[in-house]
Amino acid sequence: MVDATDTSCEGARTCRQGAVVTVPVSDVRAWFVREVLPLEAVLMQFLRRSARDYADAEDLRQEVYMRVCEAAQAEIPRAARPFVFTVARNLLIDRARREPVVSIEAVADLEVLNVAIDEPGPDRSVAARDELRRLQNALQGLPPRSRSAVVMRKVDGLSRREIAQRLGVTEKTVERHLTIGLRALADAIFGASSNSGKRP
């Protein structure tokens, strides 16, 4: 458990975003200790699933606390739990966007967060599930070598050279497998419109 004096709420009077501070620091500190610190165990559990190691999770926790305190200085949120986990989720999404290769597990872990946050409407959920189903079917329909090459490149983040070594083929062959696989996946996602631009 983090000591209340170890938070970024202590003594802070300005926000990083330049927002006007309207809530007294003592009120923010009291709210933080009363509402946010009790969530630390479940927050750390969530962050550890997405972090590389424990120290990384601790750094993420401090960043979440800092952002929560900065926002609370402008206005204390009514519901602390959804707010804290929305901040944590957004921080993880921002981090995933900056990383060159994102593991499927990291993205999947963002979905297990079961708190009241803005969720896409049913129409977007159905469309996304349909798109994922088409992608999965297209991936399963690829020739085995093309499927392996695409998974190793796009999911595992391997270089073409590493894929060539694992498959026992040349890099040129890997390039061909990737081209075949990625075209088939694009056709599955975007439909026949991607074929309309091809020359006869």
Protein backbone atom coordinates (compact mmCIF):
# COMPACT_ATOMS: atom_id res chain seq x y z
CA MET A 1 0.00 0.00 0.00
CA VAL A 2 1.33 3.43 -0.85
CA ASP A 3 1.51 5.98 1.93
CA ALA A 4 -0.82 8.96 1.36
CA THR A 5 2.14 11.33 1.53
CA ASP A 6 3.71 9.48 -1.40
CA THR A 7 1.11 10.66 -3.91
CA SER A 8 1.41 13.34 -6.53
CA CYS A 9 -1.56 15.16 -4.91
CA GLU A 10 0.71 16.42 -2.14
CA GLY A 11 1.45 20.08 -2.58
CA ALA A 12 0.57 20.17 -6.28
CA ARG A 13 -1.24 23.35 -7.29
CA THR A 14 -1.06 23.27 -11.07
CA CYS A 15 -1.97 20.61 -13.58
CA ARG A 16 0.21 19.40 -16.42
CA GLN A 17 -2.55 20.31 -18.87
CA GLY A 18 -2.72 23.86 -17.49
CA ALA A 19 -6.24 23.46 -16.07
CA VAL A 20 -7.32 25.90 -13.40
CA VAL A 21 -7.12 24.43 -9.91
CA THR A 22 -10.44 24.93 -8.15
CA VAL A 23 -10.47 22.17 -5.52
CA PRO A 24 -8.32 22.68 -2.41
CA VAL A 25 -5.39 20.30 -2.19
CA SER A 26 -6.54 19.11 1.24
CA ASP A 27 -9.90 18.04 -0.25
CA VAL A 28 -8.17 16.25 -3.12
CA ARG A 29 -5.83 14.53 -0.67
CA ALA A 30 -8.72 13.43 1.56
CA TRP A 31 -10.69 12.14 -1.44
CA PHE A 32 -7.62 10.32 -2.75
CA VAL A 33 -6.97 8.56 0.57
CA ARG A 34 -10.65 7.73 1.09
CA GLU A 35 -11.64 6.69 -2.45
CA VAL A 36 -8.58 5.91 -4.57
CA LEU A 37 -6.04 4.23 -2.28
CA PRO A 38 -8.46 1.40 -1.33
CA LEU A 39 -8.46 0.47 -5.04
CA GLU A 40 -4.71 -0.03 -5.12
CA ALA A 41 -4.69 -3.83 -4.86
CA VAL A 42 -7.12 -4.35 -7.74
CA LEU A 43 -5.46 -1.57 -9.76
CA MET A 44 -2.04 -3.22 -9.35
CA GLN A 45 -3.52 -6.58 -10.31
CA PHE A 46 -4.88 -5.03 -13.50
CA LEU A 47 -1.64 -3.16 -14.29
CA ARG A 48 0.54 -6.25 -13.66
CA ARG A 49 -1.34 -8.15 -16.37
CA SER A 50 -0.30 -5.51 -18.91
CA ALA A 51 3.12 -4.51 -17.57
CA ARG A 52 6.43 -6.13 -18.43
CA ASP A 53 7.46 -6.48 -14.79
CA TYR A 54 6.51 -5.40 -11.27
CA ALA A 55 8.57 -2.19 -11.40
CA ASP A 56 6.83 -1.23 -14.65
CA ALA A 57 3.45 -1.78 -12.97
CA GLU A 58 4.53 0.44 -10.08
CA ASP A 59 5.54 3.18 -12.52
CA LEU A 60 2.19 2.87 -14.28
CA ARG A 61 0.39 3.08 -10.93
CA GLN A 62 2.20 6.32 -10.07
CA GLU A 63 1.32 7.75 -13.49
CA VAL A 64 -2.34 6.79 -12.92
CA TYR A 65 -2.26 8.44 -9.49
CA MET A 66 -0.71 11.58 -10.93
CA ARG A 67 -3.33 11.85 -13.68
CA VAL A 68 -6.16 11.13 -11.23
CA CYS A 69 -4.93 13.83 -8.85
CA GLU A 70 -4.47 16.36 -11.63
CA ALA A 71 -8.02 15.79 -12.82
CA ALA A 72 -9.38 15.89 -9.26
CA GLN A 73 -7.81 19.31 -8.71
CA ALA A 74 -10.22 20.72 -11.29
CA GLU A 75 -13.21 18.68 -10.08
CA ILE A 76 -13.41 15.62 -7.83
CA PRO A 77 -15.02 12.74 -9.75
CA ARG A 78 -18.29 11.41 -8.35
CA ALA A 79 -17.43 7.74 -8.89
CA ALA A 80 -13.78 7.03 -8.11
CA ARG A 81 -13.54 3.41 -9.27
CA PRO A 82 -14.71 3.88 -12.88
CA PHE A 83 -12.67 7.06 -13.13
CA VAL A 84 -9.44 5.46 -11.86
CA PHE A 85 -9.80 2.45 -14.12
CA THR A 86 -10.67 4.59 -17.12
CA VAL A 87 -7.48 6.58 -16.51
CA ALA A 88 -5.50 3.32 -16.16
CA ARG A 89 -7.03 1.87 -19.31
CA ASN A 90 -6.34 5.05 -21.30
CA LEU A 91 -2.75 5.09 -20.04
CA LEU A 92 -2.27 1.49 -21.19
CA ILE A 93 -3.83 2.28 -24.56
CA ASP A 94 -1.53 5.30 -24.98
CA ARG A 95 1.43 3.12 -24.07
CA ALA A 96 0.37 0.39 -26.50
CA ARG A 97 0.08 2.95 -29.30
CA ARG A 98 3.67 4.08 -28.71
CA GLU A 99 5.10 0.55 -28.74
CA PRO A 100 6.26 -0.76 -32.14
CA VAL A 101 4.88 -4.26 -31.46
CA VAL A 102 1.90 -4.87 -29.21
CA SER A 103 1.21 -8.36 -27.92
CA ILE A 104 -2.27 -9.77 -28.33
CA GLU A 105 -2.31 -10.51 -24.60
CA ALA A 106 -1.86 -6.81 -23.76
CA VAL A 107 -4.81 -5.82 -25.92
CA ALA A 108 -6.92 -8.70 -24.61
CA ASP A 109 -6.20 -7.68 -21.00
CA LEU A 110 -7.69 -4.24 -21.64
CA GLU A 111 -10.98 -5.97 -22.38
CA VAL A 112 -11.21 -7.75 -19.00
CA LEU A 113 -11.55 -4.47 -17.13
CA ASN A 114 -15.09 -4.75 -15.81
CA VAL A 115 -15.93 -1.23 -14.68
CA ALA A 116 -18.45 1.31 -15.87
CA ILE A 117 -16.70 3.14 -18.69
CA ASP A 118 -17.73 4.43 -22.07
CA GLU A 119 -18.27 1.33 -24.14
CA PRO A 120 -19.07 1.18 -27.82
CA GLY A 121 -22.69 0.80 -28.73
CA PRO A 122 -24.14 -2.58 -29.66
CA ASP A 123 -23.86 -1.79 -33.37
CA ARG A 124 -20.11 -1.15 -33.10
CA SER A 125 -19.65 -4.28 -31.00
CA VAL A 126 -21.49 -6.42 -33.54
CA ALA A 127 -19.52 -4.89 -36.43
CA ALA A 128 -16.22 -5.44 -34.60
CA ARG A 129 -17.11 -9.07 -33.80
CA ASP A 130 -18.11 -9.64 -37.41
CA GLU A 131 -14.84 -8.13 -38.64
CA LEU A 132 -12.84 -10.26 -36.19
CA ARG A 133 -14.74 -13.38 -37.31
CA ARG A 134 -13.98 -12.60 -40.98
CA LEU A 135 -10.33 -12.03 -40.10
CA GLN A 136 -10.13 -15.29 -38.14
CA ASN A 137 -11.77 -17.24 -40.98
CA ALA A 138 -9.43 -15.67 -43.52
CA LEU A 139 -6.43 -16.48 -41.35
CA GLN A 140 -7.56 -20.10 -41.02
CA GLY A 141 -8.09 -20.28 -44.79
CA LEU A 142 -4.52 -19.24 -45.62
CA PRO A 143 -1.97 -21.78 -46.77
CA PRO A 144 -0.06 -23.02 -43.70
CA ARG A 145 3.22 -21.26 -44.59
CA SER A 146 1.49 -17.94 -45.30
CA ARG A 147 -0.51 -18.22 -42.08
CA SER A 148 2.65 -18.97 -40.06
CA ALA A 149 4.52 -16.08 -41.67
CA VAL A 150 1.69 -13.60 -40.99
CA VAL A 151 1.28 -14.72 -37.37
CA MET A 152 5.03 -14.57 -36.73
CA ARG A 153 5.29 -11.11 -38.30
CA LYS A 154 2.12 -9.40 -37.08
CA VAL A 155 1.44 -11.17 -33.80
CA ASP A 156 4.87 -12.27 -32.57
CA GLY A 157 6.68 -9.25 -34.03
CA LEU A 158 9.47 -11.23 -35.67
CA SER A 159 11.60 -9.78 -38.46
CA ARG A 160 11.56 -11.30 -41.94
CA ARG A 161 15.02 -12.73 -41.30
CA GLU A 162 13.85 -14.44 -38.08
CA ILE A 163 10.79 -15.85 -39.85
CA ALA A 164 12.99 -17.15 -42.68
CA GLN A 165 15.23 -18.90 -40.15
CA ARG A 166 12.27 -20.48 -38.34
CA LEU A 167 10.58 -21.63 -41.55
CA GLY A 168 13.84 -22.70 -43.21
CA VAL A 169 13.24 -20.55 -46.30
CA THR A 170 14.72 -17.42 -47.86
CA GLU A 171 13.64 -13.90 -46.92
CA LYS A 172 12.24 -13.51 -50.44
CA THR A 173 9.98 -16.51 -49.84
CA VAL A 174 8.87 -15.03 -46.52
CA GLU A 175 8.04 -11.80 -48.35
CA ARG A 176 5.91 -13.75 -50.83
CA HIS A 177 4.09 -15.61 -48.01
CA LEU A 178 3.43 -12.32 -46.22
CA THR A 179 2.12 -10.69 -49.39
CA ILE A 180 -0.26 -13.58 -50.06
CA GLY A 181 -1.42 -13.68 -46.45
CA LEU A 182 -1.87 -9.96 -45.95
CA ARG A 183 -3.76 -9.55 -49.23
CA ALA A 184 -6.14 -12.34 -48.25
CA LEU A 185 -6.67 -10.76 -44.82
CA ALA A 186 -7.26 -7.32 -46.36
CA ASP A 187 -9.80 -8.85 -48.76
CA ALA A 188 -11.56 -10.51 -45.83
CA ILE A 189 -11.75 -7.29 -43.84
CA PHE A 190 -12.42 -4.77 -46.58
CA GLY A 191 -14.33 -7.05 -48.94
CA ALA A 192 -14.24 -7.11 -52.69
CA SER A 193 -13.50 -3.35 -52.86
CA SER A 194 -9.78 -4.05 -52.44
CA ASN A 195 -9.90 -6.30 -55.53
CA SER A 196 -11.60 -3.70 -57.69
CA GLY A 197 -8.35 -1.75 -58.07
CA LYS A 198 -6.45 -4.74 -59.49
CA ARG A 199 -5.54 -4.82 -63.14
CA PRO A 200 -7.06 -7.56 -65.30
